[in-house]
């Protein structure tokens, strides 16, 4: 495990600081982990994409939560629920938050958008961003990321039978007041719309 962490640290630092990533290094990076392995954040890997996927960036350079878009190959999930059941928003002043997306790679940006507007009045996002621990890039999964987590729920483990929040709003006019959730007791990962001020579980994930 120490060897894995050393290699991934070297590759990521080399890429971000020296711009020296090459196809050989990419192949090394994507073969470091497999589904079910412990990830560098201490979670469990539940998605692996050899080609990579784009994690959507957020904010601008003077924003304290700014990060640029980047290519990731893995999603890992925390091994515990980030809180007892909590609301997505605990305020009655709901709105359709623009630029919230459903796809793989959008959850981190979604979470920061939600928190940027509502701060601690968005408990589900707040707990992912501020209470899970180091590294500080955990987030509330988008609905497509949550579907992947549901698919490998037995690999990650320790899930409840109730609903789990995504960071994706419901479609159409329902986006003002509802969010897409998945009940982990269901026989499939079909999402359902749930009121933003209701209570569901939170499982934080991160992309690298």
Protein backbone atom coordinates (compact mmCIF):
# COMPACT_ATOMS: atom_id res chain seq x y z
CA UNK A 1 0.00 0.00 0.00
CA UNK A 2 2.85 2.40 0.83
CA UNK A 3 4.33 1.73 -2.61
CA UNK A 4 1.00 2.62 -4.24
CA UNK A 5 0.72 5.85 -2.31
CA UNK A 6 4.30 6.79 -3.15
CA UNK A 7 3.81 6.13 -6.86
CA UNK A 8 0.55 8.02 -7.12
CA UNK A 9 2.02 10.97 -5.18
CA UNK A 10 5.01 11.11 -7.53
CA UNK A 11 2.82 10.90 -10.63
CA UNK A 12 0.33 13.52 -9.49
CA UNK A 13 2.97 15.96 -8.28
CA UNK A 14 4.95 15.47 -11.48
CA UNK A 15 1.84 16.16 -13.53
CA UNK A 16 0.65 19.20 -11.60
CA UNK A 17 4.03 20.82 -10.99
CA UNK A 18 6.28 19.69 -13.80
CA UNK A 19 3.82 18.80 -16.52
CA UNK A 20 5.74 15.59 -17.15
CA UNK A 21 2.92 13.07 -17.40
CA UNK A 22 3.20 10.85 -20.45
CA UNK A 23 1.33 7.79 -21.80
CA UNK A 24 3.57 5.39 -19.87
CA UNK A 25 2.90 7.21 -16.63
CA UNK A 26 -0.82 7.23 -17.41
CA UNK A 27 -0.75 3.43 -17.76
CA UNK A 28 1.04 3.11 -14.43
CA UNK A 29 -1.50 5.38 -12.76
CA UNK A 30 -4.59 3.56 -14.02
CA UNK A 31 -3.22 0.18 -12.96
CA UNK A 32 -2.44 1.17 -9.38
CA UNK A 33 -5.94 0.42 -8.08
CA UNK A 34 -8.86 -1.88 -8.78
CA UNK A 35 -12.47 -1.96 -7.55
CA UNK A 36 -12.51 -2.99 -3.92
CA UNK A 37 -9.04 -1.66 -3.15
CA UNK A 38 -8.42 0.91 -0.45
CA UNK A 39 -7.92 4.29 -2.11
CA UNK A 40 -5.43 7.03 -1.24
CA UNK A 41 -8.12 8.88 0.73
CA UNK A 42 -8.79 5.85 2.93
CA UNK A 43 -12.04 4.94 1.14
CA UNK A 44 -12.95 2.01 -1.09
CA UNK A 45 -12.57 2.18 -4.88
CA UNK A 46 -15.96 1.58 -6.53
CA UNK A 47 -15.37 2.86 -10.07
CA UNK A 48 -12.40 2.59 -12.40
CA UNK A 49 -12.16 4.10 -15.88
CA UNK A 50 -9.00 3.36 -17.83
CA UNK A 51 -9.69 6.12 -20.36
CA UNK A 52 -10.37 8.65 -17.65
CA UNK A 53 -13.26 11.05 -17.11
CA UNK A 54 -13.36 14.81 -16.64
CA UNK A 55 -14.05 16.20 -13.19
CA UNK A 56 -15.73 19.54 -13.82
CA UNK A 57 -13.93 22.57 -12.37
CA UNK A 58 -15.43 25.13 -10.04
CA UNK A 59 -15.12 28.88 -9.46
CA UNK A 60 -12.24 31.16 -10.37
CA UNK A 61 -8.73 31.68 -9.08
CA UNK A 62 -9.74 34.09 -6.29
CA UNK A 63 -12.32 31.66 -4.89
CA UNK A 64 -11.11 29.73 -1.84
CA UNK A 65 -12.77 26.58 -3.20
CA UNK A 66 -11.53 27.02 -6.76
CA UNK A 67 -10.26 23.99 -8.66
CA UNK A 68 -9.66 23.49 -12.37
CA UNK A 69 -11.18 20.66 -14.38
CA UNK A 70 -9.01 17.57 -14.30
CA UNK A 71 -8.93 14.01 -15.55
CA UNK A 72 -9.62 11.27 -13.02
CA UNK A 73 -9.60 7.49 -13.36
CA UNK A 74 -11.20 6.42 -10.09
CA UNK A 75 -14.00 7.11 -7.64
CA UNK A 76 -13.61 6.07 -4.03
CA UNK A 77 -16.27 6.15 -1.31
CA UNK A 78 -15.91 6.80 2.39
CA UNK A 79 -16.35 3.64 4.45
CA UNK A 80 -18.97 5.26 6.68
CA UNK A 81 -21.99 7.53 6.34
CA UNK A 82 -20.93 11.14 6.74
CA UNK A 83 -23.76 11.96 9.14
CA UNK A 84 -27.01 10.72 10.57
CA UNK A 85 -29.91 11.33 8.16
CA UNK A 86 -29.99 15.04 7.33
CA UNK A 87 -31.60 17.42 4.91
CA UNK A 88 -30.22 18.53 1.54
CA UNK A 89 -31.34 22.05 2.51
CA UNK A 90 -32.70 23.14 5.87
CA UNK A 91 -34.16 26.39 4.64
CA UNK A 92 -37.52 27.03 3.01
CA UNK A 93 -35.99 29.39 0.45
CA UNK A 94 -35.59 26.84 -2.32
CA UNK A 95 -34.50 27.50 -5.88
CA UNK A 96 -33.39 25.68 -8.99
CA UNK A 97 -29.59 25.89 -8.69
CA UNK A 98 -28.24 26.49 -12.18
CA UNK A 99 -25.50 24.33 -13.70
CA UNK A 100 -26.17 21.32 -11.47
CA UNK A 101 -25.54 18.18 -13.54
CA UNK A 102 -26.16 14.44 -13.37
CA UNK A 103 -23.12 12.91 -15.05
CA UNK A 104 -19.99 11.16 -13.85
CA UNK A 105 -17.47 13.86 -12.98
CA UNK A 106 -20.05 16.50 -12.00
CA UNK A 107 -20.56 15.71 -8.32
CA UNK A 108 -17.64 17.70 -6.96
CA UNK A 109 -18.68 20.83 -8.83
CA UNK A 110 -22.35 20.31 -7.88
CA UNK A 111 -21.44 20.10 -4.20
CA UNK A 112 -19.41 23.30 -4.28
CA UNK A 113 -22.18 25.13 -6.16
CA UNK A 114 -24.73 24.09 -3.54
CA UNK A 115 -22.47 25.02 -0.63
CA UNK A 116 -21.50 28.30 -2.31
CA UNK A 117 -25.13 29.41 -2.23
CA UNK A 118 -26.40 27.92 1.02
CA UNK A 119 -23.26 27.32 3.14
CA UNK A 120 -24.13 25.42 6.33
CA UNK A 121 -27.82 25.56 5.40
CA UNK A 122 -26.95 22.74 2.99
CA UNK A 123 -26.13 19.96 5.50
CA UNK A 124 -25.58 17.16 2.97
CA UNK A 125 -23.02 19.18 1.01
CA UNK A 126 -21.50 20.75 4.11
CA UNK A 127 -20.79 17.42 5.75
CA UNK A 128 -18.99 16.13 2.64
CA UNK A 129 -16.87 19.25 2.18
CA UNK A 130 -16.02 19.96 5.80
CA UNK A 131 -16.37 16.94 8.07
CA UNK A 132 -15.15 13.83 6.25
CA UNK A 133 -11.45 14.60 6.75
CA UNK A 134 -8.21 14.72 4.80
CA UNK A 135 -7.88 14.93 1.84
CA UNK A 136 -10.37 17.80 1.62
CA UNK A 137 -11.82 16.97 -1.80
CA UNK A 138 -14.74 14.73 -0.77
CA UNK A 139 -18.12 15.58 -2.24
CA UNK A 140 -21.75 14.54 -2.57
CA UNK A 141 -22.07 12.24 -5.60
CA UNK A 142 -24.08 13.21 -8.67
CA UNK A 143 -26.93 10.84 -9.45
CA UNK A 144 -24.87 8.93 -12.04
CA UNK A 145 -22.02 8.60 -9.54
CA UNK A 146 -24.51 7.45 -6.90
CA UNK A 147 -25.78 4.78 -9.32
CA UNK A 148 -22.22 3.46 -9.62
CA UNK A 149 -21.93 3.46 -5.83
CA UNK A 150 -25.19 1.53 -5.55
CA UNK A 151 -23.88 -0.99 -8.11
CA UNK A 152 -20.90 -1.72 -5.87
CA UNK A 153 -22.58 -1.17 -2.50
CA UNK A 154 -21.60 -4.64 -1.32
CA UNK A 155 -17.95 -3.93 -2.13
CA UNK A 156 -17.94 -0.65 -0.19
CA UNK A 157 -20.24 -1.83 2.59
CA UNK A 158 -21.91 -0.34 5.69
CA UNK A 159 -24.92 1.16 3.90
CA UNK A 160 -28.33 1.69 5.45
CA UNK A 161 -31.55 0.60 3.76
CA UNK A 162 -32.91 4.15 3.46
CA UNK A 163 -32.41 6.80 0.81
CA UNK A 164 -29.07 8.40 -0.03
CA UNK A 165 -28.75 11.93 -1.33
CA UNK A 166 -27.23 12.79 -4.67
CA UNK A 167 -26.09 16.31 -5.55
CA UNK A 168 -28.40 16.28 -8.60
CA UNK A 169 -31.72 18.09 -8.51
CA UNK A 170 -34.93 16.62 -9.88
CA UNK A 171 -35.91 17.43 -13.44
CA UNK A 172 -38.05 20.32 -14.66
CA UNK A 173 -40.08 22.35 -12.17
CA UNK A 174 -39.40 19.74 -9.48
CA UNK A 175 -35.77 20.95 -9.40
CA UNK A 176 -36.88 23.84 -7.18
CA UNK A 177 -37.98 21.62 -4.32
CA UNK A 178 -36.72 18.08 -4.98
CA UNK A 179 -33.48 16.10 -5.36
CA UNK A 180 -32.72 12.72 -6.90
CA UNK A 181 -32.09 10.00 -4.32
CA UNK A 182 -31.53 6.25 -4.43
CA UNK A 183 -32.94 3.86 -1.86
CA UNK A 184 -30.27 1.27 -1.18
CA UNK A 185 -32.94 -1.23 -0.18
CA UNK A 186 -34.34 -1.20 -3.74
CA UNK A 187 -33.60 -4.01 -6.17
CA UNK A 188 -32.19 -1.55 -8.70
CA UNK A 189 -30.65 1.92 -8.82
CA UNK A 190 -33.68 3.75 -10.18
CA UNK A 191 -33.63 7.28 -8.71
CA UNK A 192 -36.61 8.87 -7.01
CA UNK A 193 -37.40 12.52 -6.34
CA UNK A 194 -37.29 13.53 -2.68
CA UNK A 195 -37.98 16.91 -0.97
CA UNK A 196 -34.88 19.01 -0.33
CA UNK A 197 -35.86 19.53 3.31
CA UNK A 198 -36.42 15.80 3.93
CA UNK A 199 -33.90 13.52 5.61
CA UNK A 200 -31.64 11.03 3.83
CA UNK A 201 -28.23 9.50 4.37
CA UNK A 202 -24.96 10.96 3.07
CA UNK A 203 -22.04 8.97 1.70
CA UNK A 204 -19.17 11.14 0.50
CA UNK A 205 -16.98 10.19 -2.44
CA UNK A 206 -13.87 11.60 -4.12
CA UNK A 207 -12.39 11.42 -7.65
CA UNK A 208 -8.72 10.99 -8.49
